[in-house]
């Protein structure tokens, strides 16, 4: 099978990411000044759009536990973990 290996970005994509990274780095001061000129709502809108390229989106996770299948000891562990997590928050 010919072509690029799975998971490796194509050459154009890699070159574009490198170019954009360099462009942003070279113009960081101007970008910050441009952001500061915007109204707060516009500024945060731009920041939010940029964040999606640097921070992974969170996904909700659902856990289903059949508590009737757990022993008393396992239930105590679950309760302790939950209460410890609540105290940490």
Foldseek 3Di string as FASTA:
>chain_A
DDDDDPPDDDPVVVVVVVVVVVVCVVCVVVVVVVLVVDDPVVSVVVVVVVVVVPDPDDDDDDDDDDVVPDDPVVVVVVVVVVVVVVVVD
